[in-house]
PDB file of N, CA and C in Angstrom:
ATOM      1  N   UNK A   1      48.661  95.244  66.436  1.00  0.00           N
ATOM      2  CA  UNK A   1      48.125  95.551  67.728  1.00  0.00           C
ATOM      3  C   UNK A   1      49.198  95.492  68.849  1.00  0.00           C
ATOM      4  N   UNK A   2      49.276  96.498  69.647  1.00  0.00           N
ATOM      5  CA  UNK A   2      50.311  96.560  70.620  1.00  0.00           C
ATOM      6  C   UNK A   2      49.629  96.774  71.965  1.00  0.00           C
ATOM      7  N   UNK A   3      50.048  96.020  72.941  1.00  0.00           N
ATOM      8  CA  UNK A   3      49.550  96.148  74.357  1.00  0.00           C
ATOM      9  C   UNK A   3      50.656  96.742  75.164  1.00  0.00           C
ATOM     10  N   UNK A   4      50.274  97.598  76.020  1.00  0.00           N
ATOM     11  CA  UNK A   4      51.311  98.387  76.806  1.00  0.00           C
ATOM     12  C   UNK A   4      51.019  98.344  78.276  1.00  0.00           C
ATOM     13  N   UNK A   5      51.796  97.669  78.979  1.00  0.00           N
ATOM     14  CA  UNK A   5      51.700  97.656  80.455  1.00  0.00           C
ATOM     15  C   UNK A   5      52.341  98.887  80.948  1.00  0.00           C
ATOM     16  N   UNK A   6      51.727  99.569  81.848  1.00  0.00           N
ATOM     17  CA  UNK A   6      52.284 100.810  82.442  1.00  0.00           C
ATOM     18  C   UNK A   6      53.705 100.550  83.019  1.00  0.00           C
ATOM     19  N   UNK A   7      54.638 101.490  82.752  1.00  0.00           N
ATOM     20  CA  UNK A   7      56.018 101.214  83.227  1.00  0.00           C
ATOM     21  C   UNK A   7      56.404 102.020  84.467  1.00  0.00           C
ATOM     22  N   UNK A   8      55.791 103.216  84.551  1.00  0.00           N
ATOM     23  CA  UNK A   8      56.213 104.088  85.607  1.00  0.00           C
ATOM     24  C   UNK A   8      55.106 104.112  86.724  1.00  0.00           C
ATOM     25  N   UNK A   9      55.475 104.752  87.856  1.00  0.00           N
ATOM     26  CA  UNK A   9      54.606 104.847  88.875  1.00  0.00           C
ATOM     27  C   UNK A   9      53.398 105.761  88.468  1.00  0.00           C
ATOM     28  N   UNK A  10      53.690 106.868  87.692  1.00  0.00           N
ATOM     29  CA  UNK A  10      52.663 107.901  87.239  1.00  0.00           C
ATOM     30  C   UNK A  10      51.704 107.182  86.304  1.00  0.00           C
ATOM     31  N   UNK A  11      52.179 106.225  85.444  1.00  0.00           N
ATOM     32  CA  UNK A  11      51.287 105.636  84.530  1.00  0.00           C
ATOM     33  C   UNK A  11      50.388 104.607  85.316  1.00  0.00           C
ATOM     34  N   UNK A  12      50.822 103.965  86.333  1.00  0.00           N
ATOM     35  CA  UNK A  12      49.986 103.116  87.124  1.00  0.00           C
ATOM     36  C   UNK A  12      48.956 103.943  87.923  1.00  0.00           C
ATOM     37  N   UNK A  13      49.375 105.069  88.444  1.00  0.00           N
ATOM     38  CA  UNK A  13      48.497 105.994  89.178  1.00  0.00           C
ATOM     39  C   UNK A  13      47.331 106.489  88.235  1.00  0.00           C
ATOM     40  N   UNK A  14      47.717 106.795  86.975  1.00  0.00           N
ATOM     41  CA  UNK A  14      46.699 107.233  86.026  1.00  0.00           C
ATOM     42  C   UNK A  14      45.649 106.069  85.828  1.00  0.00           C
ATOM     43  N   UNK A  15      46.137 104.889  85.725  1.00  0.00           N
ATOM     44  CA  UNK A  15      45.066 103.802  85.524  1.00  0.00           C
ATOM     45  C   UNK A  15      44.190 103.699  86.883  1.00  0.00           C
ATOM     46  N   UNK A  16      44.850 103.826  87.981  1.00  0.00           N
ATOM     47  CA  UNK A  16      44.032 103.817  89.228  1.00  0.00           C
ATOM     48  C   UNK A  16      43.006 104.974  89.251  1.00  0.00           C
ATOM     49  N   UNK A  17      43.436 106.141  88.855  1.00  0.00           N
ATOM     50  CA  UNK A  17      42.496 107.273  88.825  1.00  0.00           C
ATOM     51  C   UNK A  17      41.286 106.934  87.827  1.00  0.00           C
ATOM     52  N   UNK A  18      41.544 106.316  86.700  1.00  0.00           N
ATOM     53  CA  UNK A  18      40.489 105.911  85.802  1.00  0.00           C
ATOM     54  C   UNK A  18      39.514 105.005  86.532  1.00  0.00           C
ATOM     55  N   UNK A  19      39.972 104.024  87.232  1.00  0.00           N
ATOM     56  CA  UNK A  19      39.075 103.175  88.059  1.00  0.00           C
ATOM     57  C   UNK A  19      38.281 103.950  89.027  1.00  0.00           C
ATOM     58  N   UNK A  20      38.849 104.794  89.751  1.00  0.00           N
ATOM     59  CA  UNK A  20      38.190 105.583  90.645  1.00  0.00           C
ATOM     60  C   UNK A  20      37.142 106.548  90.054  1.00  0.00           C
ATOM     61  N   UNK A  21      37.539 107.198  88.898  1.00  0.00           N
ATOM     62  CA  UNK A  21      36.497 108.044  88.343  1.00  0.00           C
ATOM     63  C   UNK A  21      35.396 107.387  87.617  1.00  0.00           C
ATOM     64  N   UNK A  22      35.586 106.311  86.894  1.00  0.00           N
ATOM     65  CA  UNK A  22      34.543 105.582  86.160  1.00  0.00           C
ATOM     66  C   UNK A  22      33.711 104.590  86.918  1.00  0.00           C
ATOM     67  N   UNK A  23      34.398 103.883  87.831  1.00  0.00           N
ATOM     68  CA  UNK A  23      33.828 102.788  88.523  1.00  0.00           C
ATOM     69  C   UNK A  23      33.644 102.948  90.057  1.00  0.00           C
ATOM     70  N   UNK A  24      34.212 104.043  90.589  1.00  0.00           N
ATOM     71  CA  UNK A  24      34.195 104.316  92.000  1.00  0.00           C
ATOM     72  C   UNK A  24      34.826 103.193  92.766  1.00  0.00           C
ATOM     73  N   UNK A  25      35.974 102.682  92.202  1.00  0.00           N
ATOM     74  CA  UNK A  25      36.755 101.520  92.668  1.00  0.00           C
ATOM     75  C   UNK A  25      38.115 102.031  92.999  1.00  0.00           C
ATOM     76  N   UNK A  26      38.409 102.375  94.203  1.00  0.00           N
ATOM     77  CA  UNK A  26      39.658 102.994  94.598  1.00  0.00           C
ATOM     78  C   UNK A  26      40.832 101.914  94.606  1.00  0.00           C
ATOM     79  N   UNK A  27      42.050 102.376  94.239  1.00  0.00           N
ATOM     80  CA  UNK A  27      43.265 101.583  94.372  1.00  0.00           C
ATOM     81  C   UNK A  27      43.260 100.429  93.393  1.00  0.00           C
ATOM     82  N   UNK A  28      42.498 100.344  92.501  1.00  0.00           N
ATOM     83  CA  UNK A  28      42.491  99.326  91.411  1.00  0.00           C
ATOM     84  C   UNK A  28      43.452  99.724  90.299  1.00  0.00           C
ATOM     85  N   UNK A  29      44.348  98.755  89.852  1.00  0.00           N
ATOM     86  CA  UNK A  29      45.236  99.033  88.769  1.00  0.00           C
ATOM     87  C   UNK A  29      45.009  98.145  87.582  1.00  0.00           C
ATOM     88  N   UNK A  30      43.887  97.383  87.554  1.00  0.00           N
ATOM     89  CA  UNK A  30      43.610  96.559  86.470  1.00  0.00           C
ATOM     90  C   UNK A  30      42.630  95.439  86.818  1.00  0.00           C
ATOM     91  N   UNK A  31      41.961  94.888  85.903  1.00  0.00           N
ATOM     92  CA  UNK A  31      41.052  93.751  86.126  1.00  0.00           C
ATOM     93  C   UNK A  31      41.659  92.597  85.276  1.00  0.00           C
ATOM     94  N   UNK A  32      41.697  91.457  86.057  1.00  0.00           N
ATOM     95  CA  UNK A  32      42.267  90.218  85.516  1.00  0.00           C
ATOM     96  C   UNK A  32      41.290  89.202  85.206  1.00  0.00           C
ATOM     97  N   UNK A  33      41.341  88.509  84.109  1.00  0.00           N
ATOM     98  CA  UNK A  33      40.478  87.406  83.828  1.00  0.00           C
ATOM     99  C   UNK A  33      41.229  86.435  82.970  1.00  0.00           C
ATOM    100  N   UNK A  34      40.753  85.169  83.126  1.00  0.00           N
ATOM    101  CA  UNK A  34      41.255  84.062  82.314  1.00  0.00           C
ATOM    102  C   UNK A  34      40.212  83.207  81.714  1.00  0.00           C
ATOM    103  N   UNK A  35      40.514  82.544  80.685  1.00  0.00           N
ATOM    104  CA  UNK A  35      39.508  81.681  80.017  1.00  0.00           C
ATOM    105  C   UNK A  35      40.178  80.573  79.334  1.00  0.00           C
ATOM    106  N   UNK A  36      39.599  79.324  79.400  1.00  0.00           N
ATOM    107  CA  UNK A  36      40.014  78.164  78.648  1.00  0.00           C
ATOM    108  C   UNK A  36      39.331  78.308  77.355  1.00  0.00           C
ATOM    109  N   UNK A  37      40.018  78.422  76.241  1.00  0.00           N
ATOM    110  CA  UNK A  37      39.420  78.619  74.850  1.00  0.00           C
ATOM    111  C   UNK A  37      39.544  77.127  74.219  1.00  0.00           C
ATOM    112  N   UNK A  38      38.418  76.557  74.070  1.00  0.00           N
ATOM    113  CA  UNK A  38      38.375  75.163  73.533  1.00  0.00           C
ATOM    114  C   UNK A  38      38.787  75.036  72.154  1.00  0.00           C
ATOM    115  N   UNK A  39      39.549  74.104  71.806  1.00  0.00           N
ATOM    116  CA  UNK A  39      40.145  73.986  70.454  1.00  0.00           C
ATOM    117  C   UNK A  39      40.266  72.477  70.022  1.00  0.00           C
ATOM    118  N   UNK A  40      40.385  72.245  68.792  1.00  0.00           N
ATOM    119  CA  UNK A  40      40.594  70.898  68.309  1.00  0.00           C
ATOM    120  C   UNK A  40      42.062  70.600  68.458  1.00  0.00           C
ATOM    121  N   UNK A  41      42.316  69.406  69.221  1.00  0.00           N
ATOM    122  CA  UNK A  41      43.701  69.151  69.589  1.00  0.00           C
ATOM    123  C   UNK A  41      44.590  69.009  68.293  1.00  0.00           C
ATOM    124  N   UNK A  42      45.691  69.622  68.229  1.00  0.00           N
ATOM    125  CA  UNK A  42      46.671  69.449  67.082  1.00  0.00           C
ATOM    126  C   UNK A  42      47.233  68.019  67.129  1.00  0.00           C
ATOM    127  N   UNK A  43      47.581  67.500  66.075  1.00  0.00           N
ATOM    128  CA  UNK A  43      48.136  66.169  65.949  1.00  0.00           C
ATOM    129  C   UNK A  43      49.361  66.053  66.729  1.00  0.00           C
ATOM    130  N   UNK A  44      49.558  64.990  67.326  1.00  0.00           N
ATOM    131  CA  UNK A  44      50.812  64.608  68.067  1.00  0.00           C
ATOM    132  C   UNK A  44      51.083  65.640  69.160  1.00  0.00           C
ATOM    133  N   UNK A  45      50.078  66.261  69.729  1.00  0.00           N
ATOM    134  CA  UNK A  45      50.185  67.190  70.896  1.00  0.00           C
ATOM    135  C   UNK A  45      50.240  66.453  72.255  1.00  0.00           C
ATOM    136  N   UNK A  46      49.866  65.170  72.201  1.00  0.00           N
ATOM    137  CA  UNK A  46      49.918  64.391  73.492  1.00  0.00           C
ATOM    138  C   UNK A  46      49.009  65.056  74.420  1.00  0.00           C
ATOM    139  N   UNK A  47      49.447  65.409  75.716  1.00  0.00           N
ATOM    140  CA  UNK A  47      48.637  66.000  76.753  1.00  0.00           C
ATOM    141  C   UNK A  47      48.861  67.528  76.820  1.00  0.00           C
ATOM    142  N   UNK A  48      49.621  68.168  75.936  1.00  0.00           N
ATOM    143  CA  UNK A  48      49.920  69.543  76.011  1.00  0.00           C
ATOM    144  C   UNK A  48      48.790  70.415  76.101  1.00  0.00           C
ATOM    145  N   UNK A  49      47.725  70.160  75.336  1.00  0.00           N
ATOM    146  CA  UNK A  49      46.486  71.041  75.446  1.00  0.00           C
ATOM    147  C   UNK A  49      45.271  70.406  76.193  1.00  0.00           C
ATOM    148  N   UNK A  50      45.538  69.288  76.801  1.00  0.00           N
ATOM    149  CA  UNK A  50      44.404  68.520  77.528  1.00  0.00           C
ATOM    150  C   UNK A  50      44.209  69.172  78.880  1.00  0.00           C
ATOM    151  N   UNK A  51      43.048  69.465  79.261  1.00  0.00           N
ATOM    152  CA  UNK A  51      42.741  70.083  80.461  1.00  0.00           C
ATOM    153  C   UNK A  51      41.968  69.215  81.409  1.00  0.00           C
ATOM    154  N   UNK A  52      41.697  69.724  82.586  1.00  0.00           N
ATOM    155  CA  UNK A  52      41.062  68.868  83.625  1.00  0.00           C
ATOM    156  C   UNK A  52      39.536  68.618  83.337  1.00  0.00           C
ATOM    157  N   UNK A  53      38.959  69.234  82.354  1.00  0.00           N
ATOM    158  CA  UNK A  53      37.598  69.051  81.869  1.00  0.00           C
ATOM    159  C   UNK A  53      37.433  68.020  80.798  1.00  0.00           C
ATOM    160  N   UNK A  54      38.607  67.305  80.590  1.00  0.00           N
ATOM    161  CA  UNK A  54      38.659  66.301  79.568  1.00  0.00           C
ATOM    162  C   UNK A  54      38.433  66.831  78.113  1.00  0.00           C
ATOM    163  N   UNK A  55      38.980  68.021  77.897  1.00  0.00           N
ATOM    164  CA  UNK A  55      38.819  68.676  76.644  1.00  0.00           C
ATOM    165  C   UNK A  55      40.140  69.326  76.255  1.00  0.00           C
ATOM    166  N   UNK A  56      40.326  69.702  74.972  1.00  0.00           N
ATOM    167  CA  UNK A  56      41.530  70.381  74.621  1.00  0.00           C
ATOM    168  C   UNK A  56      41.280  71.786  74.589  1.00  0.00           C
ATOM    169  N   UNK A  57      42.150  72.623  75.271  1.00  0.00           N
ATOM    170  CA  UNK A  57      42.014  74.046  75.306  1.00  0.00           C
ATOM    171  C   UNK A  57      43.387  74.689  75.511  1.00  0.00           C
ATOM    172  N   UNK A  58      43.317  76.036  75.259  1.00  0.00           N
ATOM    173  CA  UNK A  58      44.538  76.862  75.565  1.00  0.00           C
ATOM    174  C   UNK A  58      44.034  78.014  76.510  1.00  0.00           C
ATOM    175  N   UNK A  59      44.821  78.437  77.385  1.00  0.00           N
ATOM    176  CA  UNK A  59      44.404  79.473  78.368  1.00  0.00           C
ATOM    177  C   UNK A  59      44.746  80.776  77.751  1.00  0.00           C
ATOM    178  N   UNK A  60      43.716  81.671  77.906  1.00  0.00           N
ATOM    179  CA  UNK A  60      43.776  83.144  77.568  1.00  0.00           C
ATOM    180  C   UNK A  60      43.703  83.921  78.893  1.00  0.00           C
ATOM    181  N   UNK A  61      44.748  84.737  79.161  1.00  0.00           N
ATOM    182  CA  UNK A  61      44.867  85.483  80.367  1.00  0.00           C
ATOM    183  C   UNK A  61      45.052  86.893  80.023  1.00  0.00           C
ATOM    184  N   UNK A  62      44.261  87.842  80.622  1.00  0.00           N
ATOM    185  CA  UNK A  62      44.263  89.219  80.244  1.00  0.00           C
ATOM    186  C   UNK A  62      44.251  90.168  81.432  1.00  0.00           C
ATOM    187  N   UNK A  63      44.825  91.316  81.276  1.00  0.00           N
ATOM    188  CA  UNK A  63      44.722  92.415  82.163  1.00  0.00           C
ATOM    189  C   UNK A  63      44.200  93.630  81.400  1.00  0.00           C
ATOM    190  N   UNK A  64      43.158  94.204  81.853  1.00  0.00           N
ATOM    191  CA  UNK A  64      42.514  95.387  81.226  1.00  0.00           C
ATOM    192  C   UNK A  64      42.377  96.543  82.127  1.00  0.00           C
ATOM    193  N   UNK A  65      42.373  97.850  81.519  1.00  0.00           N
ATOM    194  CA  UNK A  65      42.213  99.107  82.313  1.00  0.00           C
ATOM    195  C   UNK A  65      40.762  99.353  82.491  1.00  0.00           C
ATOM    196  N   UNK A  66      40.414 100.425  83.059  1.00  0.00           N
ATOM    197  CA  UNK A  66      39.049 100.871  83.431  1.00  0.00           C
ATOM    198  C   UNK A  66      38.142 101.030  82.171  1.00  0.00           C
ATOM    199  N   UNK A  67      38.773 101.235  80.951  1.00  0.00           N
ATOM    200  CA  UNK A  67      37.997 101.370  79.690  1.00  0.00           C
ATOM    201  C   UNK A  67      38.005 100.128  78.898  1.00  0.00           C
ATOM    202  N   UNK A  68      38.333  98.949  79.525  1.00  0.00           N
ATOM    203  CA  UNK A  68      38.290  97.668  78.860  1.00  0.00           C
ATOM    204  C   UNK A  68      39.431  97.509  77.779  1.00  0.00           C
ATOM    205  N   UNK A  69      40.404  98.410  77.794  1.00  0.00           N
ATOM    206  CA  UNK A  69      41.466  98.295  76.873  1.00  0.00           C
ATOM    207  C   UNK A  69      42.569  97.318  77.453  1.00  0.00           C
ATOM    208  N   UNK A  70      42.970  96.340  76.550  1.00  0.00           N
ATOM    209  CA  UNK A  70      44.007  95.381  77.067  1.00  0.00           C
ATOM    210  C   UNK A  70      45.284  96.080  77.357  1.00  0.00           C
ATOM    211  N   UNK A  71      45.853  95.737  78.567  1.00  0.00           N
ATOM    212  CA  UNK A  71      47.157  96.121  78.910  1.00  0.00           C
ATOM    213  C   UNK A  71      48.165  94.973  78.770  1.00  0.00           C
ATOM    214  N   UNK A  72      47.698  93.747  78.948  1.00  0.00           N
ATOM    215  CA  UNK A  72      48.513  92.527  78.891  1.00  0.00           C
ATOM    216  C   UNK A  72      47.628  91.406  78.448  1.00  0.00           C
ATOM    217  N   UNK A  73      48.223  90.576  77.595  1.00  0.00           N
ATOM    218  CA  UNK A  73      47.558  89.389  77.142  1.00  0.00           C
ATOM    219  C   UNK A  73      48.667  88.231  77.023  1.00  0.00           C
ATOM    220  N   UNK A  74      48.281  87.044  77.612  1.00  0.00           N
ATOM    221  CA  UNK A  74      49.138  85.910  77.502  1.00  0.00           C
ATOM    222  C   UNK A  74      48.231  84.787  77.030  1.00  0.00           C
ATOM    223  N   UNK A  75      48.679  84.094  75.950  1.00  0.00           N
ATOM    224  CA  UNK A  75      48.008  82.877  75.440  1.00  0.00           C
ATOM    225  C   UNK A  75      48.865  81.694  75.605  1.00  0.00           C
TER     226      UNK A  75
END
């Protein structure tokens, strides 16, 4: 699976046109969301995965286009 962030101005403008056409949302070039994914803490991880809700989690951060296709993912 390969995610592709637009590299040229024309590619970004194409994403913006999709948002305008599908959602009537002008000048949008992506939708961003993040989520704490709860997990069982690995052994000897200390506080590396410990979050402010007193649980172990890892953060999933995404950017999607107007068709909900991932353009960027960071875990």
